Amino acid sequence: MRKLSQRAQRKHLELAEAGKYSGGGHRPFRLRYDPGSQTMAVVAPERDLIAEACAACLAGESWDSIARRWNDAGVRTVTGRQWTGGEVRPTLKSPRSGGLRPTGTSAPDGTR
């Protein structure tokens, strides 16, 4: 079982280094899968919403008020639901929202 886990981690690292999407789960807010290039492409309107929301947070606005603003504007989560402050917070704090790819907690060889 450990070898399977290590192989999967190596494959995900290989895909990350090639800039390709490794699949799984819902798409991240601000990104969509481009089957032609097998990479994630930025959704400009969602990217702009995240930038505005980050600036608003730094100015002291609450997660809930951002959620209300997005809901009033008709913006929905990637699963089609209305936003809550509890969904805005991890979206804005996600490494992906900052243009980074989370690498997980350990390397394929089990080291940190």
PDB file of N, CA and C in Angstrom:
ATOM      1  N   MET A   1       0.825  -1.194   0.000  1.00  0.00           N
ATOM      2  CA  MET A   1       0.000   0.000   0.000  1.00  0.00           C
ATOM      3  C   MET A   1       0.873   1.263   0.000  1.00  0.00           C
ATOM      4  N   ARG A   2       1.988   1.201   0.721  1.00  0.00           N
ATOM      5  CA  ARG A   2       2.870   2.357   0.789  1.00  0.00           C
ATOM      6  C   ARG A   2       3.462   2.677  -0.588  1.00  0.00           C
ATOM      7  N   LYS A   3       3.815   1.630  -1.357  1.00  0.00           N
ATOM      8  CA  LYS A   3       4.377   1.870  -2.688  1.00  0.00           C
ATOM      9  C   LYS A   3       3.348   2.545  -3.597  1.00  0.00           C
ATOM     10  N   LEU A   4       2.093   2.128  -3.491  1.00  0.00           N
ATOM     11  CA  LEU A   4       1.039   2.740  -4.299  1.00  0.00           C
ATOM     12  C   LEU A   4       0.914   4.221  -3.956  1.00  0.00           C
ATOM     13  N   SER A   5       0.937   4.536  -2.672  1.00  0.00           N
ATOM     14  CA  SER A   5       0.856   5.923  -2.234  1.00  0.00           C
ATOM     15  C   SER A   5       2.046   6.728  -2.759  1.00  0.00           C
ATOM     16  N   GLN A   6       3.226   6.155  -2.682  1.00  0.00           N
ATOM     17  CA  GLN A   6       4.415   6.848  -3.171  1.00  0.00           C
ATOM     18  C   GLN A   6       4.348   7.076  -4.677  1.00  0.00           C
ATOM     19  N   ARG A   7       3.863   6.073  -5.414  1.00  0.00           N
ATOM     20  CA  ARG A   7       3.739   6.229  -6.866  1.00  0.00           C
ATOM     21  C   ARG A   7       2.732   7.320  -7.206  1.00  0.00           C
ATOM     22  N   ALA A   8       1.613   7.355  -6.480  1.00  0.00           N
ATOM     23  CA  ALA A   8       0.591   8.381  -6.727  1.00  0.00           C
ATOM     24  C   ALA A   8       1.153   9.765  -6.428  1.00  0.00           C
ATOM     25  N   GLN A   9       1.886   9.903  -5.326  1.00  0.00           N
ATOM     26  CA  GLN A   9       2.480  11.192  -4.989  1.00  0.00           C
ATOM     27  C   GLN A   9       3.497  11.627  -6.033  1.00  0.00           C
ATOM     28  N   ARG A  10       4.309  10.697  -6.523  1.00  0.00           N
ATOM     29  CA  ARG A  10       5.283  11.035  -7.576  1.00  0.00           C
ATOM     30  C   ARG A  10       4.566  11.499  -8.841  1.00  0.00           C
ATOM     31  N   LYS A  11       3.471  10.822  -9.190  1.00  0.00           N
ATOM     32  CA  LYS A  11       2.726  11.197 -10.395  1.00  0.00           C
ATOM     33  C   LYS A  11       2.124  12.596 -10.250  1.00  0.00           C
ATOM     34  N   HIS A  12       1.567  12.902  -9.075  1.00  0.00           N
ATOM     35  CA  HIS A  12       1.007  14.231  -8.845  1.00  0.00           C
ATOM     36  C   HIS A  12       2.102  15.293  -8.905  1.00  0.00           C
ATOM     37  N   LEU A  13       3.268  14.996  -8.366  1.00  0.00           N
ATOM     38  CA  LEU A  13       4.392  15.921  -8.434  1.00  0.00           C
ATOM     39  C   LEU A  13       4.838  16.123  -9.884  1.00  0.00           C
ATOM     40  N   GLU A  14       4.894  15.045 -10.641  1.00  0.00           N
ATOM     41  CA  GLU A  14       5.271  15.127 -12.055  1.00  0.00           C
ATOM     42  C   GLU A  14       4.289  16.015 -12.815  1.00  0.00           C
ATOM     43  N   LEU A  15       2.990  15.815 -12.575  1.00  0.00           N
ATOM     44  CA  LEU A  15       1.977  16.639 -13.240  1.00  0.00           C
ATOM     45  C   LEU A  15       2.106  18.097 -12.823  1.00  0.00           C
ATOM     46  N   ALA A  16       2.358  18.338 -11.545  1.00  0.00           N
ATOM     47  CA  ALA A  16       2.506  19.706 -11.046  1.00  0.00           C
ATOM     48  C   ALA A  16       3.692  20.395 -11.708  1.00  0.00           C
ATOM     49  N   GLU A  17       4.798  19.693 -11.799  1.00  0.00           N
ATOM     50  CA  GLU A  17       5.989  20.278 -12.411  1.00  0.00           C
ATOM     51  C   GLU A  17       5.788  20.567 -13.885  1.00  0.00           C
ATOM     52  N   ALA A  18       4.930  19.788 -14.537  1.00  0.00           N
ATOM     53  CA  ALA A  18       4.622  20.018 -15.949  1.00  0.00           C
ATOM     54  C   ALA A  18       3.508  21.044 -16.124  1.00  0.00           C
ATOM     55  N   GLY A  19       2.948  21.514 -14.993  1.00  0.00           N
ATOM     56  CA  GLY A  19       1.870  22.503 -15.069  1.00  0.00           C
ATOM     57  C   GLY A  19       0.543  21.909 -15.470  1.00  0.00           C
ATOM     58  N   LYS A  20       0.401  20.601 -15.309  1.00  0.00           N
ATOM     59  CA  LYS A  20      -0.834  19.931 -15.711  1.00  0.00           C
ATOM     60  C   LYS A  20      -1.723  19.669 -14.508  1.00  0.00           C
ATOM     61  N   TYR A  21      -3.002  19.483 -14.787  1.00  0.00           N
ATOM     62  CA  TYR A  21      -4.008  19.257 -13.757  1.00  0.00           C
ATOM     63  C   TYR A  21      -4.012  17.795 -13.361  1.00  0.00           C
ATOM     64  N   SER A  22      -4.043  17.530 -12.063  1.00  0.00           N
ATOM     65  CA  SER A  22      -4.003  16.142 -11.609  1.00  0.00           C
ATOM     66  C   SER A  22      -5.379  15.558 -11.339  1.00  0.00           C
ATOM     67  N   GLY A  23      -6.418  16.376 -11.458  1.00  0.00           N
ATOM     68  CA  GLY A  23      -7.781  15.877 -11.331  1.00  0.00           C
ATOM     69  C   GLY A  23      -8.249  15.696  -9.907  1.00  0.00           C
ATOM     70  N   GLY A  24      -9.515  15.365  -9.789  1.00  0.00           N
ATOM     71  CA  GLY A  24     -10.099  15.091  -8.481  1.00  0.00           C
ATOM     72  C   GLY A  24     -10.802  16.286  -7.887  1.00  0.00           C
ATOM     73  N   GLY A  25     -11.960  16.041  -7.320  1.00  0.00           N
ATOM     74  CA  GLY A  25     -12.697  17.080  -6.599  1.00  0.00           C
ATOM     75  C   GLY A  25     -13.312  18.123  -7.503  1.00  0.00           C
ATOM     76  N   HIS A  26     -13.851  19.155  -6.853  1.00  0.00           N
ATOM     77  CA  HIS A  26     -14.447  20.273  -7.586  1.00  0.00           C
ATOM     78  C   HIS A  26     -13.346  21.190  -8.082  1.00  0.00           C
ATOM     79  N   ARG A  27     -13.635  21.895  -9.146  1.00  0.00           N
ATOM     80  CA  ARG A  27     -12.640  22.836  -9.646  1.00  0.00           C
ATOM     81  C   ARG A  27     -12.466  23.953  -8.630  1.00  0.00           C
ATOM     82  N   PRO A  28     -11.277  24.494  -8.527  1.00  0.00           N
ATOM     83  CA  PRO A  28     -11.066  25.618  -7.618  1.00  0.00           C
ATOM     84  C   PRO A  28     -11.764  26.866  -8.168  1.00  0.00           C
ATOM     85  N   PHE A  29     -12.315  27.674  -7.274  1.00  0.00           N
ATOM     86  CA  PHE A  29     -12.890  28.951  -7.694  1.00  0.00           C
ATOM     87  C   PHE A  29     -11.772  29.766  -8.316  1.00  0.00           C
ATOM     88  N   ARG A  30     -11.973  30.308  -9.451  1.00  0.00           N
ATOM     89  CA  ARG A  30     -11.095  31.125 -10.307  1.00  0.00           C
ATOM     90  C   ARG A  30     -10.368  30.322 -11.362  1.00  0.00           C
ATOM     91  N   LEU A  31     -10.505  29.000 -11.358  1.00  0.00           N
ATOM     92  CA  LEU A  31      -9.841  28.173 -12.358  1.00  0.00           C
ATOM     93  C   LEU A  31     -10.831  27.228 -13.030  1.00  0.00           C
ATOM     94  N   ARG A  32     -10.542  26.872 -14.263  1.00  0.00           N
ATOM     95  CA  ARG A  32     -11.325  25.857 -14.969  1.00  0.00           C
ATOM     96  C   ARG A  32     -10.356  24.986 -15.751  1.00  0.00           C
ATOM     97  N   TYR A  33     -10.742  23.754 -15.970  1.00  0.00           N
ATOM     98  CA  TYR A  33      -9.897  22.810 -16.682  1.00  0.00           C
ATOM     99  C   TYR A  33      -9.979  23.058 -18.174  1.00  0.00           C
ATOM    100  N   ASP A  34      -8.828  23.130 -18.829  1.00  0.00           N
ATOM    101  CA  ASP A  34      -8.752  23.277 -20.283  1.00  0.00           C
ATOM    102  C   ASP A  34      -8.287  21.947 -20.854  1.00  0.00           C
ATOM    103  N   PRO A  35      -9.225  21.155 -21.444  1.00  0.00           N
ATOM    104  CA  PRO A  35      -8.850  19.829 -21.922  1.00  0.00           C
ATOM    105  C   PRO A  35      -7.798  19.838 -23.021  1.00  0.00           C
ATOM    106  N   GLY A  36      -7.753  20.901 -23.806  1.00  0.00           N
ATOM    107  CA  GLY A  36      -6.775  20.958 -24.891  1.00  0.00           C
ATOM    108  C   GLY A  36      -5.345  20.932 -24.386  1.00  0.00           C
ATOM    109  N   SER A  37      -5.066  21.751 -23.390  1.00  0.00           N
ATOM    110  CA  SER A  37      -3.705  21.824 -22.859  1.00  0.00           C
ATOM    111  C   SER A  37      -3.528  20.987 -21.602  1.00  0.00           C
ATOM    112  N   GLN A  38      -4.614  20.407 -21.105  1.00  0.00           N
ATOM    113  CA  GLN A  38      -4.611  19.612 -19.875  1.00  0.00           C
ATOM    114  C   GLN A  38      -4.091  20.409 -18.689  1.00  0.00           C
ATOM    115  N   THR A  39      -4.399  21.702 -18.682  1.00  0.00           N
ATOM    116  CA  THR A  39      -3.995  22.571 -17.579  1.00  0.00           C
ATOM    117  C   THR A  39      -5.222  23.310 -17.063  1.00  0.00           C
ATOM    118  N   MET A  40      -5.035  24.017 -15.961  1.00  0.00           N
ATOM    119  CA  MET A  40      -6.091  24.845 -15.415  1.00  0.00           C
ATOM    120  C   MET A  40      -5.920  26.250 -15.974  1.00  0.00           C
ATOM    121  N   ALA A  41      -7.019  26.834 -16.460  1.00  0.00           N
ATOM    122  CA  ALA A  41      -6.995  28.183 -17.001  1.00  0.00           C
ATOM    123  C   ALA A  41      -7.725  29.111 -16.031  1.00  0.00           C
ATOM    124  N   VAL A  42      -7.276  30.340 -15.955  1.00  0.00           N
ATOM    125  CA  VAL A  42      -7.867  31.318 -15.048  1.00  0.00           C
ATOM    126  C   VAL A  42      -9.190  31.811 -15.619  1.00  0.00           C
ATOM    127  N   VAL A  43     -10.207  31.890 -14.754  1.00  0.00           N
ATOM    128  CA  VAL A  43     -11.499  32.482 -15.096  1.00  0.00           C
ATOM    129  C   VAL A  43     -11.417  33.938 -14.630  1.00  0.00           C
ATOM    130  N   ALA A  44     -11.247  34.855 -15.577  1.00  0.00           N
ATOM    131  CA  ALA A  44     -10.949  36.249 -15.248  1.00  0.00           C
ATOM    132  C   ALA A  44     -11.971  36.892 -14.302  1.00  0.00           C
ATOM    133  N   PRO A  45     -13.286  36.747 -14.518  1.00  0.00           N
ATOM    134  CA  PRO A  45     -14.218  37.392 -13.586  1.00  0.00           C
ATOM    135  C   PRO A  45     -14.070  36.879 -12.148  1.00  0.00           C
ATOM    136  N   GLU A  46     -13.820  35.592 -11.994  1.00  0.00           N
ATOM    137  CA  GLU A  46     -13.639  35.030 -10.650  1.00  0.00           C
ATOM    138  C   GLU A  46     -12.318  35.497 -10.042  1.00  0.00           C
ATOM    139  N   ARG A  47     -11.289  35.593 -10.862  1.00  0.00           N
ATOM    140  CA  ARG A  47     -10.002  36.107 -10.395  1.00  0.00           C
ATOM    141  C   ARG A  47     -10.159  37.527  -9.871  1.00  0.00           C
ATOM    142  N   ASP A  48     -10.921  38.343 -10.598  1.00  0.00           N
ATOM    143  CA  ASP A  48     -11.135  39.728 -10.194  1.00  0.00           C
ATOM    144  C   ASP A  48     -11.929  39.809  -8.888  1.00  0.00           C
ATOM    145  N   LEU A  49     -12.910  38.916  -8.725  1.00  0.00           N
ATOM    146  CA  LEU A  49     -13.675  38.880  -7.476  1.00  0.00           C
ATOM    147  C   LEU A  49     -12.768  38.558  -6.292  1.00  0.00           C
ATOM    148  N   ILE A  50     -11.864  37.622  -6.476  1.00  0.00           N
ATOM    149  CA  ILE A  50     -10.950  37.246  -5.395  1.00  0.00           C
ATOM    150  C   ILE A  50     -10.030  38.419  -5.054  1.00  0.00           C
ATOM    151  N   ALA A  51      -9.514  39.096  -6.061  1.00  0.00           N
ATOM    152  CA  ALA A  51      -8.635  40.242  -5.813  1.00  0.00           C
ATOM    153  C   ALA A  51      -9.371  41.336  -5.045  1.00  0.00           C
ATOM    154  N   GLU A  52     -10.609  41.632  -5.452  1.00  0.00           N
ATOM    155  CA  GLU A  52     -11.403  42.655  -4.763  1.00  0.00           C
ATOM    156  C   GLU A  52     -11.708  42.230  -3.334  1.00  0.00           C
ATOM    157  N   ALA A  53     -12.045  40.960  -3.150  1.00  0.00           N
ATOM    158  CA  ALA A  53     -12.382  40.464  -1.817  1.00  0.00           C
ATOM    159  C   ALA A  53     -11.160  40.485  -0.896  1.00  0.00           C
ATOM    160  N   CYS A  54      -9.984  40.160  -1.428  1.00  0.00           N
ATOM    161  CA  CYS A  54      -8.761  40.210  -0.613  1.00  0.00           C
ATOM    162  C   CYS A  54      -8.490  41.639  -0.158  1.00  0.00           C
ATOM    163  N   ALA A  55      -8.655  42.588  -1.070  1.00  0.00           N
ATOM    164  CA  ALA A  55      -8.455  43.993  -0.708  1.00  0.00           C
ATOM    165  C   ALA A  55      -9.471  44.426   0.343  1.00  0.00           C
ATOM    166  N   ALA A  56     -10.708  43.972   0.197  1.00  0.00           N
ATOM    167  CA  ALA A  56     -11.752  44.314   1.167  1.00  0.00           C
ATOM    168  C   ALA A  56     -11.432  43.726   2.540  1.00  0.00           C
ATOM    169  N   CYS A  57     -10.931  42.491   2.572  1.00  0.00           N
ATOM    170  CA  CYS A  57     -10.552  41.864   3.850  1.00  0.00           C
ATOM    171  C   CYS A  57      -9.438  42.637   4.521  1.00  0.00           C
ATOM    172  N   LEU A  58      -8.452  43.039   3.745  1.00  0.00           N
ATOM    173  CA  LEU A  58      -7.345  43.806   4.300  1.00  0.00           C
ATOM    174  C   LEU A  58      -7.812  45.164   4.824  1.00  0.00           C
ATOM    175  N   ALA A  59      -8.919  45.659   4.260  1.00  0.00           N
ATOM    176  CA  ALA A  59      -9.488  46.934   4.718  1.00  0.00           C
ATOM    177  C   ALA A  59     -10.431  46.735   5.905  1.00  0.00           C
ATOM    178  N   GLY A  60     -10.625  45.474   6.332  1.00  0.00           N
ATOM    179  CA  GLY A  60     -11.438  45.217   7.514  1.00  0.00           C
ATOM    180  C   GLY A  60     -12.831  44.673   7.264  1.00  0.00           C
ATOM    181  N   GLU A  61     -13.181  44.401   6.015  1.00  0.00           N
ATOM    182  CA  GLU A  61     -14.513  43.862   5.718  1.00  0.00           C
ATOM    183  C   GLU A  61     -14.593  42.403   6.162  1.00  0.00           C
ATOM    184  N   SER A  62     -15.760  41.969   6.601  1.00  0.00           N
ATOM    185  CA  SER A  62     -15.924  40.607   7.108  1.00  0.00           C
ATOM    186  C   SER A  62     -16.164  39.617   5.969  1.00  0.00           C
ATOM    187  N   TRP A  63     -15.911  38.329   6.279  1.00  0.00           N
ATOM    188  CA  TRP A  63     -16.168  37.262   5.305  1.00  0.00           C
ATOM    189  C   TRP A  63     -17.650  37.247   4.931  1.00  0.00           C
ATOM    190  N   ASP A  64     -18.513  37.450   5.939  1.00  0.00           N
ATOM    191  CA  ASP A  64     -19.964  37.414   5.700  1.00  0.00           C
ATOM    192  C   ASP A  64     -20.416  38.537   4.775  1.00  0.00           C
ATOM    193  N   SER A  65     -19.843  39.723   4.918  1.00  0.00           N
ATOM    194  CA  SER A  65     -20.268  40.819   4.044  1.00  0.00           C
ATOM    195  C   SER A  65     -19.815  40.579   2.610  1.00  0.00           C
ATOM    196  N   ILE A  66     -18.661  39.949   2.442  1.00  0.00           N
ATOM    197  CA  ILE A  66     -18.216  39.591   1.085  1.00  0.00           C
ATOM    198  C   ILE A  66     -19.155  38.550   0.498  1.00  0.00           C
ATOM    199  N   ALA A  67     -19.536  37.565   1.297  1.00  0.00           N
ATOM    200  CA  ALA A  67     -20.480  36.542   0.832  1.00  0.00           C
ATOM    201  C   ALA A  67     -21.801  37.176   0.422  1.00  0.00           C
ATOM    202  N   ARG A  68     -22.308  38.100   1.222  1.00  0.00           N
ATOM    203  CA  ARG A  68     -23.572  38.778   0.871  1.00  0.00           C
ATOM    204  C   ARG A  68     -23.431  39.537  -0.442  1.00  0.00           C
ATOM    205  N   ARG A  69     -22.311  40.238  -0.602  1.00  0.00           N
ATOM    206  CA  ARG A  69     -22.090  41.011  -1.835  1.00  0.00           C
ATOM    207  C   ARG A  69     -22.060  40.094  -3.045  1.00  0.00           C
ATOM    208  N   TRP A  70     -21.341  38.964  -2.929  1.00  0.00           N
ATOM    209  CA  TRP A  70     -21.270  38.022  -4.050  1.00  0.00           C
ATOM    210  C   TRP A  70     -22.635  37.411  -4.345  1.00  0.00           C
ATOM    211  N   ASN A  71     -23.390  37.062  -3.303  1.00  0.00           N
ATOM    212  CA  ASN A  71     -24.720  36.495  -3.510  1.00  0.00           C
ATOM    213  C   ASN A  71     -25.650  37.506  -4.168  1.00  0.00           C
ATOM    214  N   ASP A  72     -25.584  38.766  -3.718  1.00  0.00           N
ATOM    215  CA  ASP A  72     -26.422  39.814  -4.311  1.00  0.00           C
ATOM    216  C   ASP A  72     -26.085  40.032  -5.779  1.00  0.00           C
ATOM    217  N   ALA A  73     -24.830  39.799  -6.140  1.00  0.00           N
ATOM    218  CA  ALA A  73     -24.395  39.971  -7.541  1.00  0.00           C
ATOM    219  C   ALA A  73     -24.665  38.723  -8.381  1.00  0.00           C
ATOM    220  N   GLY A  74     -25.190  37.663  -7.745  1.00  0.00           N
ATOM    221  CA  GLY A  74     -25.501  36.444  -8.484  1.00  0.00           C
ATOM    222  C   GLY A  74     -24.328  35.491  -8.643  1.00  0.00           C
ATOM    223  N   VAL A  75     -23.241  35.753  -7.934  1.00  0.00           N
ATOM    224  CA  VAL A  75     -22.071  34.871  -8.001  1.00  0.00           C
ATOM    225  C   VAL A  75     -22.362  33.633  -7.159  1.00  0.00           C
ATOM    226  N   ARG A  76     -22.083  32.455  -7.701  1.00  0.00           N
ATOM    227  CA  ARG A  76     -22.321  31.212  -6.972  1.00  0.00           C
ATOM    228  C   ARG A  76     -21.000  30.456  -6.799  1.00  0.00           C
ATOM    229  N   THR A  77     -21.009  29.540  -5.842  1.00  0.00           N
ATOM    230  CA  THR A  77     -19.832  28.695  -5.642  1.00  0.00           C
ATOM    231  C   THR A  77     -19.690  27.789  -6.859  1.00  0.00           C
ATOM    232  N   VAL A  78     -18.606  27.046  -6.934  1.00  0.00           N
ATOM    233  CA  VAL A  78     -18.391  26.159  -8.074  1.00  0.00           C
ATOM    234  C   VAL A  78     -19.417  25.031  -8.116  1.00  0.00           C
ATOM    235  N   THR A  79     -20.092  24.785  -6.992  1.00  0.00           N
ATOM    236  CA  THR A  79     -21.140  23.758  -6.969  1.00  0.00           C
ATOM    237  C   THR A  79     -22.530  24.363  -7.140  1.00  0.00           C
ATOM    238  N   GLY A  80     -22.601  25.689  -7.357  1.00  0.00           N
ATOM    239  CA  GLY A  80     -23.877  26.337  -7.632  1.00  0.00           C
ATOM    240  C   GLY A  80     -24.631  26.840  -6.409  1.00  0.00           C
ATOM    241  N   ARG A  81     -24.021  26.746  -5.232  1.00  0.00           N
ATOM    242  CA  ARG A  81     -24.693  27.210  -4.014  1.00  0.00           C
ATOM    243  C   ARG A  81     -24.393  28.686  -3.760  1.00  0.00           C
ATOM    244  N   GLN A  82     -25.178  29.263  -2.839  1.00  0.00           N
ATOM    245  CA  GLN A  82     -24.885  30.622  -2.406  1.00  0.00           C
ATOM    246  C   GLN A  82     -23.681  30.601  -1.469  1.00  0.00           C
ATOM    247  N   TRP A  83     -22.993  31.728  -1.408  1.00  0.00           N
ATOM    248  CA  TRP A  83     -21.809  31.864  -0.572  1.00  0.00           C
ATOM    249  C   TRP A  83     -22.184  32.104   0.872  1.00  0.00           C
ATOM    250  N   THR A  84     -21.339  31.625   1.762  1.00  0.00           N
ATOM    251  CA  THR A  84     -21.398  31.957   3.185  1.00  0.00           C
ATOM    252  C   THR A  84     -20.012  32.462   3.568  1.00  0.00           C
ATOM    253  N   GLY A  85     -19.943  33.132   4.713  1.00  0.00           N
ATOM    254  CA  GLY A  85     -18.633  33.588   5.183  1.00  0.00           C
ATOM    255  C   GLY A  85     -17.678  32.419   5.378  1.00  0.00           C
ATOM    256  N   GLY A  86     -18.243  31.279   5.793  1.00  0.00           N
ATOM    257  CA  GLY A  86     -17.433  30.091   6.005  1.00  0.00           C
ATOM    258  C   GLY A  86     -16.890  29.488   4.719  1.00  0.00           C
ATOM    259  N   GLU A  87     -17.484  29.829   3.575  1.00  0.00           N
ATOM    260  CA  GLU A  87     -16.949  29.371   2.291  1.00  0.00           C
ATOM    261  C   GLU A  87     -16.018  30.405   1.668  1.00  0.00           C
ATOM    262  N   VAL A  88     -16.257  31.679   1.962  1.00  0.00           N
ATOM    263  CA  VAL A  88     -15.398  32.737   1.427  1.00  0.00           C
ATOM    264  C   VAL A  88     -14.004  32.640   2.041  1.00  0.00           C
ATOM    265  N   ARG A  89     -13.951  32.418   3.351  1.00  0.00           N
ATOM    266  CA  ARG A  89     -12.672  32.408   4.063  1.00  0.00           C
ATOM    267  C   ARG A  89     -11.669  31.421   3.457  1.00  0.00           C
ATOM    268  N   PRO A  90     -11.994  30.112   3.342  1.00  0.00           N
ATOM    269  CA  PRO A  90     -10.995  29.199   2.772  1.00  0.00           C
ATOM    270  C   PRO A  90     -10.709  29.467   1.297  1.00  0.00           C
ATOM    271  N   THR A  91     -11.681  30.024   0.597  1.00  0.00           N
ATOM    272  CA  THR A  91     -11.449  30.360  -0.810  1.00  0.00           C
ATOM    273  C   THR A  91     -10.377  31.428  -0.930  1.00  0.00           C
ATOM    274  N   LEU A  92     -10.465  32.435  -0.080  1.00  0.00           N
ATOM    275  CA  LEU A  92      -9.484  33.519  -0.148  1.00  0.00           C
ATOM    276  C   LEU A  92      -8.141  33.120   0.450  1.00  0.00           C
ATOM    277  N   LYS A  93      -8.153  32.211   1.414  1.00  0.00           N
ATOM    278  CA  LYS A  93      -6.912  31.805   2.068  1.00  0.00           C
ATOM    279  C   LYS A  93      -6.214  30.651   1.354  1.00  0.00           C
ATOM    280  N   SER A  94      -6.858  30.081   0.361  1.00  0.00           N
ATOM    281  CA  SER A  94      -6.298  28.948  -0.354  1.00  0.00           C
ATOM    282  C   SER A  94      -5.035  29.340  -1.119  1.00  0.00           C
ATOM    283  N   PRO A  95      -4.014  28.495  -1.075  1.00  0.00           N
ATOM    284  CA  PRO A  95      -2.821  28.779  -1.879  1.00  0.00           C
ATOM    285  C   PRO A  95      -3.155  28.927  -3.366  1.00  0.00           C
ATOM    286  N   ARG A  96      -4.155  28.187  -3.834  1.00  0.00           N
ATOM    287  CA  ARG A  96      -4.527  28.297  -5.249  1.00  0.00           C
ATOM    288  C   ARG A  96      -5.063  29.666  -5.599  1.00  0.00           C
ATOM    289  N   SER A  97      -5.764  30.297  -4.664  1.00  0.00           N
ATOM    290  CA  SER A  97      -6.287  31.634  -4.932  1.00  0.00           C
ATOM    291  C   SER A  97      -5.156  32.624  -5.131  1.00  0.00           C
ATOM    292  N   GLY A  98      -4.003  32.325  -4.554  1.00  0.00           N
ATOM    293  CA  GLY A  98      -2.828  33.166  -4.734  1.00  0.00           C
ATOM    294  C   GLY A  98      -1.966  32.732  -5.906  1.00  0.00           C
ATOM    295  N   GLY A  99      -2.453  31.769  -6.687  1.00  0.00           N
ATOM    296  CA  GLY A  99      -1.707  31.308  -7.850  1.00  0.00           C
ATOM    297  C   GLY A  99      -0.701  30.224  -7.540  1.00  0.00           C
ATOM    298  N   LEU A 100      -0.792  29.618  -6.344  1.00  0.00           N
ATOM    299  CA  LEU A 100       0.133  28.554  -5.963  1.00  0.00           C
ATOM    300  C   LEU A 100      -0.569  27.209  -6.034  1.00  0.00           C
ATOM    301  N   ARG A 101       0.207  26.154  -6.143  1.00  0.00           N
ATOM    302  CA  ARG A 101      -0.358  24.808  -6.135  1.00  0.00           C
ATOM    303  C   ARG A 101       0.037  24.133  -4.833  1.00  0.00           C
ATOM    304  N   PRO A 102      -0.953  23.748  -4.017  1.00  0.00           N
ATOM    305  CA  PRO A 102      -0.600  23.059  -2.773  1.00  0.00           C
ATOM    306  C   PRO A 102       0.182  21.793  -3.086  1.00  0.00           C
ATOM    307  N   THR A 103       1.215  21.532  -2.299  1.00  0.00           N
ATOM    308  CA  THR A 103       2.061  20.377  -2.566  1.00  0.00           C
ATOM    309  C   THR A 103       1.798  19.227  -1.621  1.00  0.00           C
ATOM    310  N   GLY A 104       0.905  19.385  -0.660  1.00  0.00           N
ATOM    311  CA  GLY A 104       0.640  18.314   0.292  1.00  0.00           C
ATOM    312  C   GLY A 104       1.556  18.416   1.489  1.00  0.00           C
ATOM    313  N   THR A 105       1.529  17.402   2.329  1.00  0.00           N
ATOM    314  CA  THR A 105       2.284  17.467   3.577  1.00  0.00           C
ATOM    315  C   THR A 105       3.611  16.743   3.512  1.00  0.00           C
ATOM    316  N   SER A 106       3.809  15.888   2.530  1.00  0.00           N
ATOM    317  CA  SER A 106       5.078  15.187   2.479  1.00  0.00           C
ATOM    318  C   SER A 106       5.486  14.899   1.041  1.00  0.00           C
ATOM    319  N   ALA A 107       6.753  14.659   0.874  1.00  0.00           N
ATOM    320  CA  ALA A 107       7.293  14.326  -0.431  1.00  0.00           C
ATOM    321  C   ALA A 107       7.027  12.847  -0.731  1.00  0.00           C
ATOM    322  N   PRO A 108       7.173  12.417  -1.981  1.00  0.00           N
ATOM    323  CA  PRO A 108       6.921  11.019  -2.325  1.00  0.00           C
ATOM    324  C   PRO A 108       7.723  10.016  -1.507  1.00  0.00           C
ATOM    325  N   ASP A 109       8.891  10.417  -1.002  1.00  0.00           N
ATOM    326  CA  ASP A 109       9.695   9.477  -0.211  1.00  0.00           C
ATOM    327  C   ASP A 109       9.290   9.480   1.265  1.00  0.00           C
ATOM    328  N   GLY A 110       8.243  10.256   1.629  1.00  0.00           N
ATOM    329  CA  GLY A 110       7.745  10.270   2.988  1.00  0.00           C
ATOM    330  C   GLY A 110       8.340  11.355   3.851  1.00  0.00           C
ATOM    331  N   THR A 111       9.315  12.115   3.331  1.00  0.00           N
ATOM    332  CA  THR A 111       9.923  13.180   4.109  1.00  0.00           C
ATOM    333  C   THR A 111       9.064  14.431   4.004  1.00  0.00           C
ATOM    334  N   ARG A 112       9.306  15.362   4.893  1.00  0.00           N
ATOM    335  CA  ARG A 112       8.559  16.631   4.851  1.00  0.00           C
ATOM    336  C   ARG A 112       9.368  17.703   4.166  1.00  0.00           C
TER     337      ARG A 112
END
